[in-house]
């Protein structure tokens, strides 16, 4: 089949790799550059400790295994360095303990560490931090570097990429997709189309008379200049792990990149889609860091970035056929799990195109 993928972020690159390896004729259409939109500004963590539903735990388990497989192929620097959720006081500990119990019920081992043990792993903790819950199997991957390597593997498998040319419309014949038109005037024939265009996906679906139940969520993060080895794994605050449900503006999601820079995330602003950094975001992130690791909050900042997550009003990711539009599969609503779930949703989308049922498909509709 001739398949067009709209969007060359991490999800689009993974989709191109899966579909090309299944023998399809794949072309990816990207309005900008490879992985330079949300992928370039995404957090790199792949975490059980942020998950609060059975579905999200199941998808994380499968996603981590697929990241392991990509690493085994040399397509990513993914590593399982674990994660800490820091708590301060009895109320935060109680929340973190309940989350740990939920994960343990799904076979995910989470260990409680008291302050004395934690200090050996994270020197310089704020005096109010009384302990953490540690998950050794949580992982992290550099989203942009992984996107580039996976896209190159897709090209080796036969996929083609068109950059700096936006999809402006899909054309249909008796509700079956037939082609895609681009801003430059190209018309590309298609037997199937995968919409994996991030924030643009909902607009493309709307042009097909389908209203996706999704919303934008702006997220800011900071990057320090390269530092000596300081952190292993991701460090989260309880405010981050429960922040979305509580409507919190900022929570700590901290980690050190392979190049030594420390990534400080992240804010959440539901309903905002403008790619504009703010002083409020910068100060909020530094204050949150100071609540946990005050010495790190004094480091000079090299970059202040912003990206757009796409949340789902159903509370579940969307990997589904567009109703009434045969041959069009949409991937959307991944929220903060775009990196974690990218290899998995690529496989699920390919299964829909190939007509191969998967137990997760009924849970990812809208």
Protein backbone atom coordinates (compact mmCIF):
# COMPACT_ATOMS: atom_id res chain seq x y z
CA UNK A 1 0.00 0.00 0.00
CA UNK A 2 1.02 3.59 -0.60
CA UNK A 3 0.90 5.31 2.78
CA UNK A 4 1.40 8.97 3.59
CA UNK A 5 2.31 10.13 7.09
CA UNK A 6 1.69 13.73 8.06
CA UNK A 7 4.24 14.86 10.63
CA UNK A 8 7.91 14.02 11.08
CA UNK A 9 8.14 14.19 14.84
CA UNK A 10 9.00 11.16 16.91
CA UNK A 11 5.59 9.54 16.40
CA UNK A 12 5.72 10.10 12.65
CA UNK A 13 9.27 8.76 12.40
CA UNK A 14 8.34 5.65 14.38
CA UNK A 15 5.28 5.15 12.16
CA UNK A 16 7.43 5.44 9.04
CA UNK A 17 9.84 2.83 10.37
CA UNK A 18 7.13 0.34 11.30
CA UNK A 19 5.17 0.71 8.07
CA UNK A 20 8.23 0.66 5.80
CA UNK A 21 9.47 -2.51 7.49
CA UNK A 22 6.07 -4.07 6.86
CA UNK A 23 6.64 -3.55 3.15
CA UNK A 24 4.52 -0.47 2.53
CA UNK A 25 5.46 2.43 0.23
CA UNK A 26 5.82 5.22 2.81
CA UNK A 27 6.20 8.97 2.37
CA UNK A 28 6.33 11.42 5.30
CA UNK A 29 5.20 15.02 4.75
CA UNK A 30 6.49 17.59 7.25
CA UNK A 31 5.82 21.32 7.23
CA UNK A 32 9.13 22.08 8.95
CA UNK A 33 12.19 20.02 9.79
CA UNK A 34 12.61 16.57 11.24
CA UNK A 35 11.61 16.48 14.90
CA UNK A 36 12.02 20.23 15.38
CA UNK A 37 8.59 21.04 16.81
CA UNK A 38 7.26 19.37 19.97
CA UNK A 39 9.75 16.50 19.77
CA UNK A 40 12.68 18.89 20.11
CA UNK A 41 11.16 20.41 23.26
CA UNK A 42 9.78 17.28 24.88
CA UNK A 43 10.76 15.84 28.17
CA UNK A 44 12.84 12.70 27.79
CA UNK A 45 11.43 10.59 30.62
CA UNK A 46 9.48 7.35 30.16
CA UNK A 47 7.97 6.79 33.57
CA UNK A 48 5.66 4.46 35.42
CA UNK A 49 5.54 6.84 38.37
CA UNK A 50 3.40 9.40 36.53
CA UNK A 51 0.74 6.85 35.55
CA UNK A 52 -2.61 6.55 37.31
CA UNK A 53 -4.76 4.27 35.12
CA UNK A 54 -4.55 0.61 34.13
CA UNK A 55 -4.41 1.59 30.46
CA UNK A 56 -1.48 3.96 30.92
CA UNK A 57 0.48 1.38 32.91
CA UNK A 58 -0.14 -1.23 30.23
CA UNK A 59 0.99 1.15 27.49
CA UNK A 60 4.06 2.16 29.48
CA UNK A 61 5.08 -1.47 29.92
CA UNK A 62 4.80 -2.12 26.20
CA UNK A 63 6.41 1.22 25.35
CA UNK A 64 9.45 0.54 27.54
CA UNK A 65 9.96 -2.85 25.90
CA UNK A 66 9.83 -1.26 22.44
CA UNK A 67 12.37 1.37 23.54
CA UNK A 68 14.58 -1.50 24.75
CA UNK A 69 14.30 -3.05 21.27
CA UNK A 70 15.19 0.24 19.56
CA UNK A 71 18.22 0.57 21.81
CA UNK A 72 19.28 -2.99 20.94
CA UNK A 73 19.25 -1.92 17.28
CA UNK A 74 21.41 1.11 18.05
CA UNK A 75 18.59 3.54 17.15
CA UNK A 76 18.49 5.39 20.45
CA UNK A 77 20.51 6.09 23.58
CA UNK A 78 17.51 5.05 25.70
CA UNK A 79 18.51 3.91 29.15
CA UNK A 80 16.74 2.73 32.28
CA UNK A 81 18.23 4.91 35.00
CA UNK A 82 15.12 4.92 37.20
CA UNK A 83 13.14 7.72 38.80
CA UNK A 84 12.60 9.27 42.22
CA UNK A 85 9.39 10.93 43.39
CA UNK A 86 10.38 13.24 46.24
CA UNK A 87 7.95 13.93 49.05
CA UNK A 88 7.90 16.47 51.85
CA UNK A 89 5.77 15.63 54.86
CA UNK A 90 3.03 13.14 55.62
CA UNK A 91 0.41 14.33 53.11
CA UNK A 92 2.74 14.13 50.12
CA UNK A 93 4.15 10.82 51.33
CA UNK A 94 0.64 9.40 51.60
CA UNK A 95 -0.14 10.37 48.00
CA UNK A 96 3.15 8.92 46.71
CA UNK A 97 2.60 5.74 48.73
CA UNK A 98 -0.85 5.23 47.21
CA UNK A 99 0.59 5.66 43.71
CA UNK A 100 3.38 3.20 44.55
CA UNK A 101 0.81 0.69 45.80
CA UNK A 102 -1.19 1.05 42.59
CA UNK A 103 1.93 0.37 40.53
CA UNK A 104 2.96 -2.55 42.70
CA UNK A 105 -0.46 -4.05 42.04
CA UNK A 106 0.49 -4.05 38.36
CA UNK A 107 3.81 -5.78 38.98
CA UNK A 108 5.92 -2.60 38.93
CA UNK A 109 8.40 -2.58 41.79
CA UNK A 110 8.58 0.76 43.62
CA UNK A 111 10.83 1.16 46.65
CA UNK A 112 10.43 3.66 49.49
CA UNK A 113 13.67 5.42 50.48
CA UNK A 114 14.03 7.46 53.64
CA UNK A 115 15.97 10.70 53.72
CA UNK A 116 19.22 9.16 54.96
CA UNK A 117 19.40 6.72 52.05
CA UNK A 118 18.22 9.35 49.58
CA UNK A 119 20.97 11.76 50.58
CA UNK A 120 23.57 9.29 49.30
CA UNK A 121 21.93 9.42 45.88
CA UNK A 122 20.87 13.07 45.76
CA UNK A 123 23.20 15.25 47.84
CA UNK A 124 21.96 18.74 48.56
CA UNK A 125 18.33 17.89 49.18
CA UNK A 126 16.20 20.61 50.72
CA UNK A 127 15.75 20.05 54.45
CA UNK A 128 11.99 19.60 54.00
CA UNK A 129 12.35 16.56 51.70
CA UNK A 130 11.71 13.52 53.89
CA UNK A 131 12.13 10.71 51.35
CA UNK A 132 11.26 9.36 47.94
CA UNK A 133 9.70 6.46 46.10
CA UNK A 134 12.14 4.97 43.59
CA UNK A 135 11.29 2.98 40.45
CA UNK A 136 14.43 1.39 39.02
CA UNK A 137 12.91 0.39 35.66
CA UNK A 138 11.82 3.87 34.55
CA UNK A 139 13.75 5.16 31.58
CA UNK A 140 14.69 8.12 29.43
CA UNK A 141 15.61 8.83 25.83
CA UNK A 142 16.71 11.94 23.96
CA UNK A 143 13.63 12.63 21.81
CA UNK A 144 15.29 14.60 19.00
CA UNK A 145 18.33 12.36 18.65
CA UNK A 146 16.10 9.28 18.71
CA UNK A 147 13.78 10.83 16.10
CA UNK A 148 16.71 11.47 13.77
CA UNK A 149 18.12 7.94 14.15
CA UNK A 150 14.72 6.29 13.74
CA UNK A 151 13.94 8.39 10.65
CA UNK A 152 17.26 7.34 9.11
CA UNK A 153 16.37 3.71 9.78
CA UNK A 154 13.00 4.30 8.11
CA UNK A 155 14.79 5.72 5.08
CA UNK A 156 17.03 2.66 4.94
CA UNK A 157 13.84 0.58 4.97
CA UNK A 158 12.55 2.55 1.96
CA UNK A 159 10.57 5.47 3.44
CA UNK A 160 10.83 8.94 1.86
CA UNK A 161 10.58 12.31 3.61
CA UNK A 162 9.35 15.64 2.23
CA UNK A 163 10.27 18.65 4.39
CA UNK A 164 9.13 22.29 4.43
CA UNK A 165 5.84 21.49 2.74
CA UNK A 166 2.64 21.36 4.77
CA UNK A 167 -0.34 19.13 4.16
CA UNK A 168 -3.27 21.42 3.32
CA UNK A 169 -5.99 18.91 2.41
CA UNK A 170 -6.88 15.27 1.96
CA UNK A 171 -9.01 14.29 -1.02
CA UNK A 172 -11.55 11.47 -1.01
CA UNK A 173 -13.56 9.38 -3.43
CA UNK A 174 -16.71 7.87 -1.92
CA UNK A 175 -15.24 8.45 1.56
CA UNK A 176 -12.02 6.59 0.70
CA UNK A 177 -8.87 8.70 0.94
CA UNK A 178 -7.15 9.03 -2.43
CA UNK A 179 -4.55 11.76 -2.13
CA UNK A 180 -2.95 14.54 -0.13
CA UNK A 181 -2.30 18.07 -1.33
CA UNK A 182 0.56 20.18 -0.02
CA UNK A 183 1.13 23.92 0.26
CA UNK A 184 3.61 23.82 -2.62
CA UNK A 185 1.01 22.29 -4.93
CA UNK A 186 2.08 18.65 -4.79
CA UNK A 187 -0.63 16.01 -5.07
CA UNK A 188 0.48 12.70 -3.56
CA UNK A 189 -1.59 9.59 -4.15
CA UNK A 190 -2.46 7.54 -1.07
CA UNK A 191 -4.16 4.30 -0.12
CA UNK A 192 -3.95 5.33 3.53
CA UNK A 193 -2.90 8.37 5.57
CA UNK A 194 -1.60 8.58 9.12
CA UNK A 195 -2.17 11.94 10.81
CA UNK A 196 0.64 12.35 13.35
CA UNK A 197 1.08 16.10 13.13
CA UNK A 198 0.87 17.08 16.78
CA UNK A 199 -1.02 20.32 17.29
CA UNK A 200 -2.01 20.39 13.60
CA UNK A 201 -3.72 16.99 13.73
CA UNK A 202 -7.02 18.28 15.10
CA UNK A 203 -7.29 20.91 12.36
CA UNK A 204 -6.64 18.31 9.65
CA UNK A 205 -9.31 16.07 11.19
CA UNK A 206 -11.72 19.01 11.33
CA UNK A 207 -11.20 19.52 7.59
CA UNK A 208 -12.48 15.94 7.29
CA UNK A 209 -15.56 16.91 9.36
CA UNK A 210 -14.31 15.09 12.46
CA UNK A 211 -14.02 16.83 15.83
CA UNK A 212 -11.24 15.24 17.86
CA UNK A 213 -11.72 15.48 21.65
CA UNK A 214 -8.32 17.03 22.29
CA UNK A 215 -6.86 20.22 23.74
CA UNK A 216 -3.46 21.94 23.72
CA UNK A 217 -1.32 22.26 26.82
CA UNK A 218 1.70 24.53 26.78
CA UNK A 219 4.74 23.36 28.71
CA UNK A 220 7.93 25.28 29.45
CA UNK A 221 11.27 23.90 30.59
CA UNK A 222 14.81 25.11 31.25
CA UNK A 223 18.23 23.73 30.36
CA UNK A 224 21.40 24.58 32.26
CA UNK A 225 24.87 24.70 30.78
CA UNK A 226 26.68 21.32 30.85
CA UNK A 227 27.54 20.17 34.37
CA UNK A 228 29.68 17.38 35.81
CA UNK A 229 27.73 14.15 36.45
CA UNK A 230 25.20 15.16 39.07
CA UNK A 231 21.97 13.19 38.57
CA UNK A 232 21.15 9.63 37.58
CA UNK A 233 17.62 9.06 36.42
CA UNK A 234 14.68 11.42 36.69
CA UNK A 235 13.73 13.35 39.81
CA UNK A 236 10.08 14.33 40.24
CA UNK A 237 8.11 16.13 42.88
CA UNK A 238 4.73 14.94 44.10
CA UNK A 239 3.38 18.21 42.73
CA UNK A 240 4.39 17.00 39.28
CA UNK A 241 2.96 13.48 39.56
CA UNK A 242 -0.43 14.76 40.67
CA UNK A 243 -0.22 18.27 39.25
CA UNK A 244 -2.41 17.76 36.21
CA UNK A 245 -5.32 16.50 38.27
CA UNK A 246 -4.89 19.37 40.70
CA UNK A 247 -4.47 22.00 38.02
CA UNK A 248 -0.98 22.94 39.21
CA UNK A 249 0.95 25.34 36.98
CA UNK A 250 4.35 23.82 37.72
CA UNK A 251 5.87 20.62 39.06
CA UNK A 252 9.42 19.31 39.07
CA UNK A 253 10.58 16.83 36.42
CA UNK A 254 14.37 16.98 36.53
CA UNK A 255 17.12 15.05 34.79
CA UNK A 256 20.60 15.31 33.36
CA UNK A 257 21.08 14.88 29.63
CA UNK A 258 23.99 12.88 28.16
CA UNK A 259 25.73 16.16 27.23
CA UNK A 260 25.71 17.20 30.90
CA UNK A 261 22.93 19.79 30.70
CA UNK A 262 20.29 19.56 33.40
CA UNK A 263 16.73 19.69 32.10
CA UNK A 264 14.29 21.40 34.45
CA UNK A 265 10.61 20.87 33.69
CA UNK A 266 7.84 21.54 33.51
CA UNK A 267 4.86 23.85 33.45
CA UNK A 268 1.31 23.03 32.35
CA UNK A 269 -1.10 25.56 30.85
CA UNK A 270 -4.20 23.90 29.50
CA UNK A 271 -5.78 25.59 26.50
CA UNK A 272 -2.67 27.53 25.49
CA UNK A 273 -1.07 26.78 22.13
CA UNK A 274 1.20 29.75 21.55
CA UNK A 275 4.91 28.92 21.58
CA UNK A 276 5.95 31.74 23.87
CA UNK A 277 8.15 31.42 26.94
CA UNK A 278 7.28 33.42 30.02
CA UNK A 279 9.03 34.90 33.02
CA UNK A 280 6.32 33.30 35.12
CA UNK A 281 7.33 29.91 33.76
CA UNK A 282 11.04 30.51 34.34
CA UNK A 283 10.56 31.66 37.91
CA UNK A 284 8.07 28.92 38.68
CA UNK A 285 10.46 26.23 37.51
CA UNK A 286 13.39 27.64 39.47
CA UNK A 287 11.29 28.00 42.60
CA UNK A 288 10.06 24.43 42.30
CA UNK A 289 13.65 23.23 41.89
CA UNK A 290 14.69 25.25 44.93
CA UNK A 291 12.04 23.45 46.99
CA UNK A 292 13.83 20.16 46.27
CA UNK A 293 17.49 20.74 45.31
CA UNK A 294 18.31 24.37 46.11
CA UNK A 295 21.92 24.33 44.89
CA UNK A 296 20.85 23.33 41.39
CA UNK A 297 18.43 26.25 41.27
CA UNK A 298 21.45 28.59 41.35
CA UNK A 299 22.94 27.22 38.10
CA UNK A 300 22.95 29.57 35.08
CA UNK A 301 20.34 28.77 32.45
CA UNK A 302 21.42 28.22 28.85
CA UNK A 303 18.01 27.73 27.21
CA UNK A 304 14.35 28.32 28.00
CA UNK A 305 12.10 26.26 25.72
CA UNK A 306 8.39 25.73 25.21
CA UNK A 307 6.40 22.96 23.56
CA UNK A 308 2.77 21.97 23.08
CA UNK A 309 1.41 18.73 24.47
CA UNK A 310 -1.94 17.55 23.14
CA UNK A 311 -4.21 16.16 25.81
CA UNK A 312 -7.29 14.02 25.32
CA UNK A 313 -10.65 14.91 26.84
CA UNK A 314 -11.39 11.19 27.16
CA UNK A 315 -8.34 10.76 29.36
CA UNK A 316 -6.99 8.20 26.88
CA UNK A 317 -4.63 8.48 23.91
CA UNK A 318 -6.24 8.32 20.50
CA UNK A 319 -5.11 5.82 17.88
CA UNK A 320 -8.11 5.31 15.66
CA UNK A 321 -9.63 5.42 12.22
CA UNK A 322 -11.43 8.65 11.38
CA UNK A 323 -15.14 7.87 11.26
CA UNK A 324 -16.58 8.08 7.77
CA UNK A 325 -13.11 8.61 6.26
CA UNK A 326 -11.78 5.26 5.13
CA UNK A 327 -8.02 4.91 5.08
CA UNK A 328 -7.28 7.75 7.53
CA UNK A 329 -5.76 6.86 10.89
CA UNK A 330 -5.17 9.51 13.54
CA UNK A 331 -2.66 9.52 16.40
CA UNK A 332 -3.40 12.25 18.93
CA UNK A 333 -4.05 13.09 22.58
CA UNK A 334 -0.85 11.54 23.97
CA UNK A 335 -0.42 14.38 26.47
CA UNK A 336 2.89 14.11 28.28
CA UNK A 337 3.41 10.56 27.01
CA UNK A 338 4.44 11.38 23.45
CA UNK A 339 7.96 10.02 23.91
CA UNK A 340 6.92 7.08 26.06
CA UNK A 341 4.21 5.86 23.70
CA UNK A 342 5.63 6.81 20.27
CA UNK A 343 6.93 3.33 19.27
CA UNK A 344 3.76 1.68 20.57
CA UNK A 345 1.21 3.97 18.91
CA UNK A 346 3.17 3.62 15.65
CA UNK A 347 2.64 -0.14 15.80
CA UNK A 348 -1.03 0.26 16.73
CA UNK A 349 -1.61 2.65 13.81
CA UNK A 350 0.12 0.23 11.44
CA UNK A 351 -2.11 -2.59 12.72
CA UNK A 352 -5.20 -0.50 11.92
CA UNK A 353 -3.94 0.06 8.38
CA UNK A 354 -3.10 -3.63 7.95
CA UNK A 355 -6.44 -4.72 9.41
CA UNK A 356 -4.79 -6.51 12.33
CA UNK A 357 -6.87 -6.31 15.54
CA UNK A 358 -5.08 -5.40 18.78
CA UNK A 359 -6.55 -5.60 22.30
CA UNK A 360 -5.74 -1.94 22.89
CA UNK A 361 -7.60 -0.60 19.85
CA UNK A 362 -11.07 -0.46 21.49
CA UNK A 363 -9.66 1.61 24.37
CA UNK A 364 -8.04 4.23 22.10
CA UNK A 365 -11.09 5.34 20.14
CA UNK A 366 -13.10 8.52 20.69
